[in-house]
Amino acid sequence: MQTHTGPSARSSDVDPEQRLKTLEAGLERLEKELEGLQDALYRHEVLQDRNNGELRRRIEQIAHGLGQDARADGRP
């Protein structure tokens, strides 16, 4: 059987104030990481919207060109 020798094994030995400060620091770090992920997701979404808009524009140009070619060939 393995015994833990890390901080969690001796949590009763740690000062509650210090433990709270450690937990708060960890929570702040996680909040900052979450904000970073949210920012990255937003930037990715904006880029995808831009790319999708560009693709739509190109498709419309191709469709327009195909329509002109079909009319030039005498097709309705």
PDB file of N, CA and C in Angstrom:
ATOM      1  N   MET A   1       0.844  -1.192   0.000  1.00  0.00           N
ATOM      2  CA  MET A   1       0.000   0.000   0.000  1.00  0.00           C
ATOM      3  C   MET A   1       0.882   1.245   0.000  1.00  0.00           C
ATOM      4  N   GLN A   2       0.551   2.187  -0.893  1.00  0.00           N
ATOM      5  CA  GLN A   2       1.331   3.404  -1.008  1.00  0.00           C
ATOM      6  C   GLN A   2       0.769   4.475  -0.100  1.00  0.00           C
ATOM      7  N   THR A   3       1.637   5.233   0.515  1.00  0.00           N
ATOM      8  CA  THR A   3       1.192   6.357   1.339  1.00  0.00           C
ATOM      9  C   THR A   3       1.577   7.646   0.646  1.00  0.00           C
ATOM     10  N   HIS A   4       0.724   8.642   0.801  1.00  0.00           N
ATOM     11  CA  HIS A   4       0.996   9.956   0.219  1.00  0.00           C
ATOM     12  C   HIS A   4       1.895  10.732   1.158  1.00  0.00           C
ATOM     13  N   THR A   5       2.879  11.377   0.576  1.00  0.00           N
ATOM     14  CA  THR A   5       3.740  12.238   1.378  1.00  0.00           C
ATOM     15  C   THR A   5       3.643  13.681   0.916  1.00  0.00           C
ATOM     16  N   GLY A   6       2.712  13.937  -0.021  1.00  0.00           N
ATOM     17  CA  GLY A   6       2.525  15.289  -0.560  1.00  0.00           C
ATOM     18  C   GLY A   6       1.694  16.138   0.377  1.00  0.00           C
ATOM     19  N   PRO A   7       1.421  17.356  -0.031  1.00  0.00           N
ATOM     20  CA  PRO A   7       0.679  18.311   0.805  1.00  0.00           C
ATOM     21  C   PRO A   7      -0.702  17.815   1.209  1.00  0.00           C
ATOM     22  N   SER A   8      -1.391  17.083   0.322  1.00  0.00           N
ATOM     23  CA  SER A   8      -2.748  16.665   0.661  1.00  0.00           C
ATOM     24  C   SER A   8      -2.762  15.620   1.772  1.00  0.00           C
ATOM     25  N   ALA A   9      -1.690  14.864   1.901  1.00  0.00           N
ATOM     26  CA  ALA A   9      -1.636  13.845   2.948  1.00  0.00           C
ATOM     27  C   ALA A   9      -1.514  14.477   4.320  1.00  0.00           C
ATOM     28  N   ARG A  10      -0.944  15.663   4.372  1.00  0.00           N
ATOM     29  CA  ARG A  10      -0.740  16.316   5.672  1.00  0.00           C
ATOM     30  C   ARG A  10      -1.543  17.602   5.772  1.00  0.00           C
ATOM     31  N   SER A  11      -2.736  17.629   5.191  1.00  0.00           N
ATOM     32  CA  SER A  11      -3.520  18.862   5.173  1.00  0.00           C
ATOM     33  C   SER A  11      -3.866  19.326   6.580  1.00  0.00           C
ATOM     34  N   SER A  12      -3.950  18.404   7.532  1.00  0.00           N
ATOM     35  CA  SER A  12      -4.252  18.809   8.902  1.00  0.00           C
ATOM     36  C   SER A  12      -3.053  19.493   9.547  1.00  0.00           C
ATOM     37  N   ASP A  13      -1.849  19.281   8.984  1.00  0.00           N
ATOM     38  CA  ASP A  13      -0.642  19.921   9.520  1.00  0.00           C
ATOM     39  C   ASP A  13      -0.484  21.349   9.004  1.00  0.00           C
ATOM     40  N   VAL A  14      -1.219  21.701   7.938  1.00  0.00           N
ATOM     41  CA  VAL A  14      -1.073  23.007   7.305  1.00  0.00           C
ATOM     42  C   VAL A  14      -2.014  24.004   7.968  1.00  0.00           C
ATOM     43  N   ASP A  15      -1.509  25.206   8.138  1.00  0.00           N
ATOM     44  CA  ASP A  15      -2.293  26.307   8.695  1.00  0.00           C
ATOM     45  C   ASP A  15      -3.486  26.592   7.778  1.00  0.00           C
ATOM     46  N   PRO A  16      -4.697  26.644   8.329  1.00  0.00           N
ATOM     47  CA  PRO A  16      -5.891  26.889   7.492  1.00  0.00           C
ATOM     48  C   PRO A  16      -5.787  28.179   6.671  1.00  0.00           C
ATOM     49  N   GLU A  17      -5.182  29.221   7.232  1.00  0.00           N
ATOM     50  CA  GLU A  17      -5.022  30.486   6.489  1.00  0.00           C
ATOM     51  C   GLU A  17      -4.124  30.275   5.274  1.00  0.00           C
ATOM     52  N   GLN A  18      -3.028  29.555   5.500  1.00  0.00           N
ATOM     53  CA  GLN A  18      -2.101  29.294   4.392  1.00  0.00           C
ATOM     54  C   GLN A  18      -2.763  28.417   3.339  1.00  0.00           C
ATOM     55  N   ARG A  19      -3.529  27.450   3.785  1.00  0.00           N
ATOM     56  CA  ARG A  19      -4.228  26.567   2.854  1.00  0.00           C
ATOM     57  C   ARG A  19      -5.224  27.366   2.010  1.00  0.00           C
ATOM     58  N   LEU A  20      -5.942  28.277   2.658  1.00  0.00           N
ATOM     59  CA  LEU A  20      -6.893  29.122   1.946  1.00  0.00           C
ATOM     60  C   LEU A  20      -6.184  30.003   0.914  1.00  0.00           C
ATOM     61  N   LYS A  21      -5.045  30.575   1.298  1.00  0.00           N
ATOM     62  CA  LYS A  21      -4.281  31.410   0.370  1.00  0.00           C
ATOM     63  C   LYS A  21      -3.802  30.591  -0.827  1.00  0.00           C
ATOM     64  N   THR A  22      -3.377  29.374  -0.571  1.00  0.00           N
ATOM     65  CA  THR A  22      -2.924  28.497  -1.650  1.00  0.00           C
ATOM     66  C   THR A  22      -4.073  28.172  -2.590  1.00  0.00           C
ATOM     67  N   LEU A  23      -5.244  27.873  -2.021  1.00  0.00           N
ATOM     68  CA  LEU A  23      -6.421  27.576  -2.837  1.00  0.00           C
ATOM     69  C   LEU A  23      -6.847  28.794  -3.648  1.00  0.00           C
ATOM     70  N   GLU A  24      -6.815  29.969  -3.039  1.00  0.00           N
ATOM     71  CA  GLU A  24      -7.183  31.192  -3.756  1.00  0.00           C
ATOM     72  C   GLU A  24      -6.221  31.463  -4.904  1.00  0.00           C
ATOM     73  N   ALA A  25      -4.921  31.248  -4.662  1.00  0.00           N
ATOM     74  CA  ALA A  25      -3.930  31.455  -5.719  1.00  0.00           C
ATOM     75  C   ALA A  25      -4.175  30.474  -6.867  1.00  0.00           C
ATOM     76  N   GLY A  26      -4.486  29.238  -6.533  1.00  0.00           N
ATOM     77  CA  GLY A  26      -4.783  28.252  -7.565  1.00  0.00           C
ATOM     78  C   GLY A  26      -6.031  28.624  -8.349  1.00  0.00           C
ATOM     79  N   LEU A  27      -7.041  29.112  -7.653  1.00  0.00           N
ATOM     80  CA  LEU A  27      -8.282  29.534  -8.306  1.00  0.00           C
ATOM     81  C   LEU A  27      -8.034  30.716  -9.241  1.00  0.00           C
ATOM     82  N   GLU A  28      -7.231  31.676  -8.799  1.00  0.00           N
ATOM     83  CA  GLU A  28      -6.898  32.820  -9.656  1.00  0.00           C
ATOM     84  C   GLU A  28      -6.184  32.363 -10.918  1.00  0.00           C
ATOM     85  N   ARG A  29      -5.257  31.412 -10.772  1.00  0.00           N
ATOM     86  CA  ARG A  29      -4.524  30.888 -11.925  1.00  0.00           C
ATOM     87  C   ARG A  29      -5.488  30.210 -12.898  1.00  0.00           C
ATOM     88  N   LEU A  30      -6.419  29.417 -12.362  1.00  0.00           N
ATOM     89  CA  LEU A  30      -7.394  28.743 -13.216  1.00  0.00           C
ATOM     90  C   LEU A  30      -8.312  29.744 -13.918  1.00  0.00           C
ATOM     91  N   GLU A  31      -8.701  30.804 -13.213  1.00  0.00           N
ATOM     92  CA  GLU A  31      -9.545  31.828 -13.828  1.00  0.00           C
ATOM     93  C   GLU A  31      -8.822  32.516 -14.981  1.00  0.00           C
ATOM     94  N   LYS A  32      -7.534  32.801 -14.790  1.00  0.00           N
ATOM     95  CA  LYS A  32      -6.751  33.433 -15.853  1.00  0.00           C
ATOM     96  C   LYS A  32      -6.614  32.495 -17.051  1.00  0.00           C
ATOM     97  N   GLU A  33      -6.402  31.216 -16.775  1.00  0.00           N
ATOM     98  CA  GLU A  33      -6.306  30.251 -17.871  1.00  0.00           C
ATOM     99  C   GLU A  33      -7.639  30.154 -18.620  1.00  0.00           C
ATOM    100  N   LEU A  34      -8.739  30.160 -17.880  1.00  0.00           N
ATOM    101  CA  LEU A  34     -10.059  30.115 -18.510  1.00  0.00           C
ATOM    102  C   LEU A  34     -10.291  31.349 -19.373  1.00  0.00           C
ATOM    103  N   GLU A  35      -9.911  32.517 -18.868  1.00  0.00           N
ATOM    104  CA  GLU A  35     -10.055  33.744 -19.663  1.00  0.00           C
ATOM    105  C   GLU A  35      -9.221  33.663 -20.938  1.00  0.00           C
ATOM    106  N   GLY A  36      -8.014  33.110 -20.827  1.00  0.00           N
ATOM    107  CA  GLY A  36      -7.167  32.939 -21.999  1.00  0.00           C
ATOM    108  C   GLY A  36      -7.806  32.011 -23.021  1.00  0.00           C
ATOM    109  N   LEU A  37      -8.391  30.922 -22.541  1.00  0.00           N
ATOM    110  CA  LEU A  37      -9.076  29.999 -23.443  1.00  0.00           C
ATOM    111  C   LEU A  37     -10.283  30.655 -24.111  1.00  0.00           C
ATOM    112  N   GLN A  38     -11.028  31.440 -23.333  1.00  0.00           N
ATOM    113  CA  GLN A  38     -12.182  32.138 -23.897  1.00  0.00           C
ATOM    114  C   GLN A  38     -11.742  33.134 -24.960  1.00  0.00           C
ATOM    115  N   ASP A  39     -10.651  33.849 -24.703  1.00  0.00           N
ATOM    116  CA  ASP A  39     -10.129  34.802 -25.686  1.00  0.00           C
ATOM    117  C   ASP A  39      -9.691  34.082 -26.956  1.00  0.00           C
ATOM    118  N   ALA A  40      -9.001  32.963 -26.789  1.00  0.00           N
ATOM    119  CA  ALA A  40      -8.539  32.200 -27.953  1.00  0.00           C
ATOM    120  C   ALA A  40      -9.727  31.678 -28.755  1.00  0.00           C
ATOM    121  N   LEU A  41     -10.753  31.210 -28.064  1.00  0.00           N
ATOM    122  CA  LEU A  41     -11.944  30.708 -28.741  1.00  0.00           C
ATOM    123  C   LEU A  41     -12.634  31.829 -29.513  1.00  0.00           C
ATOM    124  N   TYR A  42     -12.724  33.003 -28.911  1.00  0.00           N
ATOM    125  CA  TYR A  42     -13.337  34.152 -29.581  1.00  0.00           C
ATOM    126  C   TYR A  42     -12.541  34.530 -30.833  1.00  0.00           C
ATOM    127  N   ARG A  43     -11.207  34.599 -30.710  1.00  0.00           N
ATOM    128  CA  ARG A  43     -10.380  34.944 -31.874  1.00  0.00           C
ATOM    129  C   ARG A  43     -10.546  33.903 -32.981  1.00  0.00           C
ATOM    130  N   HIS A  44     -10.620  32.643 -32.592  1.00  0.00           N
ATOM    131  CA  HIS A  44     -10.812  31.571 -33.575  1.00  0.00           C
ATOM    132  C   HIS A  44     -12.163  31.726 -34.277  1.00  0.00           C
ATOM    133  N   GLU A  45     -13.195  32.055 -33.510  1.00  0.00           N
ATOM    134  CA  GLU A  45     -14.529  32.235 -34.081  1.00  0.00           C
ATOM    135  C   GLU A  45     -14.558  33.407 -35.059  1.00  0.00           C
ATOM    136  N   VAL A  46     -13.909  34.503 -34.699  1.00  0.00           N
ATOM    137  CA  VAL A  46     -13.855  35.669 -35.583  1.00  0.00           C
ATOM    138  C   VAL A  46     -13.132  35.306 -36.876  1.00  0.00           C
ATOM    139  N   LEU A  47     -12.028  34.585 -36.763  1.00  0.00           N
ATOM    140  CA  LEU A  47     -11.281  34.169 -37.944  1.00  0.00           C
ATOM    141  C   LEU A  47     -12.117  33.240 -38.815  1.00  0.00           C
ATOM    142  N   GLN A  48     -12.822  32.302 -38.192  1.00  0.00           N
ATOM    143  CA  GLN A  48     -13.682  31.387 -38.950  1.00  0.00           C
ATOM    144  C   GLN A  48     -14.786  32.154 -39.671  1.00  0.00           C
ATOM    145  N   ASP A  49     -15.390  33.130 -38.999  1.00  0.00           N
ATOM    146  CA  ASP A  49     -16.431  33.946 -39.640  1.00  0.00           C
ATOM    147  C   ASP A  49     -15.871  34.665 -40.859  1.00  0.00           C
ATOM    148  N   ARG A  50     -14.660  35.210 -40.716  1.00  0.00           N
ATOM    149  CA  ARG A  50     -14.025  35.901 -41.838  1.00  0.00           C
ATOM    150  C   ARG A  50     -13.779  34.937 -42.996  1.00  0.00           C
ATOM    151  N   ASN A  51     -13.239  33.774 -42.667  1.00  0.00           N
ATOM    152  CA  ASN A  51     -12.962  32.774 -43.704  1.00  0.00           C
ATOM    153  C   ASN A  51     -14.246  32.307 -44.379  1.00  0.00           C
ATOM    154  N   ASN A  52     -15.283  32.084 -43.590  1.00  0.00           N
ATOM    155  CA  ASN A  52     -16.567  31.654 -44.156  1.00  0.00           C
ATOM    156  C   ASN A  52     -17.136  32.730 -45.076  1.00  0.00           C
ATOM    157  N   GLY A  53     -17.014  33.978 -44.686  1.00  0.00           N
ATOM    158  CA  GLY A  53     -17.479  35.078 -45.525  1.00  0.00           C
ATOM    159  C   GLY A  53     -16.727  35.127 -46.844  1.00  0.00           C
ATOM    160  N   GLU A  54     -15.419  34.921 -46.761  1.00  0.00           N
ATOM    161  CA  GLU A  54     -14.608  34.916 -47.980  1.00  0.00           C
ATOM    162  C   GLU A  54     -15.007  33.750 -48.879  1.00  0.00           C
ATOM    163  N   LEU A  55     -15.236  32.586 -48.297  1.00  0.00           N
ATOM    164  CA  LEU A  55     -15.659  31.425 -49.093  1.00  0.00           C
ATOM    165  C   LEU A  55     -17.013  31.669 -49.751  1.00  0.00           C
ATOM    166  N   ARG A  56     -17.951  32.270 -49.007  1.00  0.00           N
ATOM    167  CA  ARG A  56     -19.257  32.587 -49.583  1.00  0.00           C
ATOM    168  C   ARG A  56     -19.111  33.530 -50.771  1.00  0.00           C
ATOM    169  N   ARG A  57     -18.280  34.534 -50.614  1.00  0.00           N
ATOM    170  CA  ARG A  57     -18.043  35.504 -51.689  1.00  0.00           C
ATOM    171  C   ARG A  57     -17.476  34.806 -52.924  1.00  0.00           C
ATOM    172  N   ARG A  58     -16.521  33.923 -52.724  1.00  0.00           N
ATOM    173  CA  ARG A  58     -15.918  33.213 -53.853  1.00  0.00           C
ATOM    174  C   ARG A  58     -16.935  32.293 -54.542  1.00  0.00           C
ATOM    175  N   ILE A  59     -17.753  31.617 -53.752  1.00  0.00           N
ATOM    176  CA  ILE A  59     -18.773  30.728 -54.318  1.00  0.00           C
ATOM    177  C   ILE A  59     -19.760  31.527 -55.166  1.00  0.00           C
ATOM    178  N   GLU A  60     -20.163  32.696 -54.645  1.00  0.00           N
ATOM    179  CA  GLU A  60     -21.087  33.545 -55.401  1.00  0.00           C
ATOM    180  C   GLU A  60     -20.456  34.002 -56.710  1.00  0.00           C
ATOM    181  N   GLN A  61     -19.160  34.335 -56.681  1.00  0.00           N
ATOM    182  CA  GLN A  61     -18.470  34.737 -57.914  1.00  0.00           C
ATOM    183  C   GLN A  61     -18.436  33.583 -58.907  1.00  0.00           C
ATOM    184  N   ILE A  62     -18.128  32.393 -58.414  1.00  0.00           N
ATOM    185  CA  ILE A  62     -18.074  31.222 -59.298  1.00  0.00           C
ATOM    186  C   ILE A  62     -19.452  30.943 -59.886  1.00  0.00           C
ATOM    187  N   ALA A  63     -20.479  30.998 -59.037  1.00  0.00           N
ATOM    188  CA  ALA A  63     -21.840  30.742 -59.508  1.00  0.00           C
ATOM    189  C   ALA A  63     -22.241  31.777 -60.558  1.00  0.00           C
ATOM    190  N   HIS A  64     -21.907  33.019 -60.315  1.00  0.00           N
ATOM    191  CA  HIS A  64     -22.221  34.085 -61.263  1.00  0.00           C
ATOM    192  C   HIS A  64     -21.497  33.826 -62.590  1.00  0.00           C
ATOM    193  N   GLY A  65     -20.217  33.466 -62.501  1.00  0.00           N
ATOM    194  CA  GLY A  65     -19.445  33.187 -63.711  1.00  0.00           C
ATOM    195  C   GLY A  65     -19.991  31.992 -64.472  1.00  0.00           C
ATOM    196  N   LEU A  66     -20.388  30.956 -63.755  1.00  0.00           N
ATOM    197  CA  LEU A  66     -20.980  29.787 -64.411  1.00  0.00           C
ATOM    198  C   LEU A  66     -22.296  30.145 -65.092  1.00  0.00           C
ATOM    199  N   GLY A  67     -23.087  30.996 -64.423  1.00  0.00           N
ATOM    200  CA  GLY A  67     -24.349  31.437 -65.026  1.00  0.00           C
ATOM    201  C   GLY A  67     -24.114  32.216 -66.304  1.00  0.00           C
ATOM    202  N   GLN A  68     -23.111  33.092 -66.289  1.00  0.00           N
ATOM    203  CA  GLN A  68     -22.784  33.872 -67.497  1.00  0.00           C
ATOM    204  C   GLN A  68     -22.305  32.953 -68.610  1.00  0.00           C
ATOM    205  N   ASP A  69     -21.479  31.957 -68.248  1.00  0.00           N
ATOM    206  CA  ASP A  69     -20.992  31.015 -69.267  1.00  0.00           C
ATOM    207  C   ASP A  69     -22.157  30.228 -69.865  1.00  0.00           C
ATOM    208  N   ALA A  70     -23.094  29.806 -69.026  1.00  0.00           N
ATOM    209  CA  ALA A  70     -24.236  29.021 -69.514  1.00  0.00           C
ATOM    210  C   ALA A  70     -25.099  29.864 -70.456  1.00  0.00           C
ATOM    211  N   ARG A  71     -25.304  31.147 -70.102  1.00  0.00           N
ATOM    212  CA  ARG A  71     -26.087  32.013 -70.971  1.00  0.00           C
ATOM    213  C   ARG A  71     -25.367  32.282 -72.283  1.00  0.00           C
ATOM    214  N   ALA A  72     -24.059  32.405 -72.221  1.00  0.00           N
ATOM    215  CA  ALA A  72     -23.282  32.644 -73.440  1.00  0.00           C
ATOM    216  C   ALA A  72     -23.340  31.449 -74.385  1.00  0.00           C
ATOM    217  N   ASP A  73     -23.502  30.244 -73.783  1.00  0.00           N
ATOM    218  CA  ASP A  73     -23.619  29.012 -74.583  1.00  0.00           C
ATOM    219  C   ASP A  73     -25.039  28.796 -75.056  1.00  0.00           C
ATOM    220  N   GLY A  74     -25.947  29.690 -74.716  1.00  0.00           N
ATOM    221  CA  GLY A  74     -27.327  29.587 -75.156  1.00  0.00           C
ATOM    222  C   GLY A  74     -28.227  28.823 -74.202  1.00  0.00           C
ATOM    223  N   ARG A  75     -27.744  28.494 -73.035  1.00  0.00           N
ATOM    224  CA  ARG A  75     -28.588  27.816 -72.032  1.00  0.00           C
ATOM    225  C   ARG A  75     -29.262  28.866 -71.154  1.00  0.00           C
ATOM    226  N   PRO A  76     -30.478  28.589 -70.699  1.00  0.00           N
ATOM    227  CA  PRO A  76     -31.203  29.581 -69.860  1.00  0.00           C
ATOM    228  C   PRO A  76     -30.594  29.767 -68.481  1.00  0.00           C
TER     229      PRO A  76
END
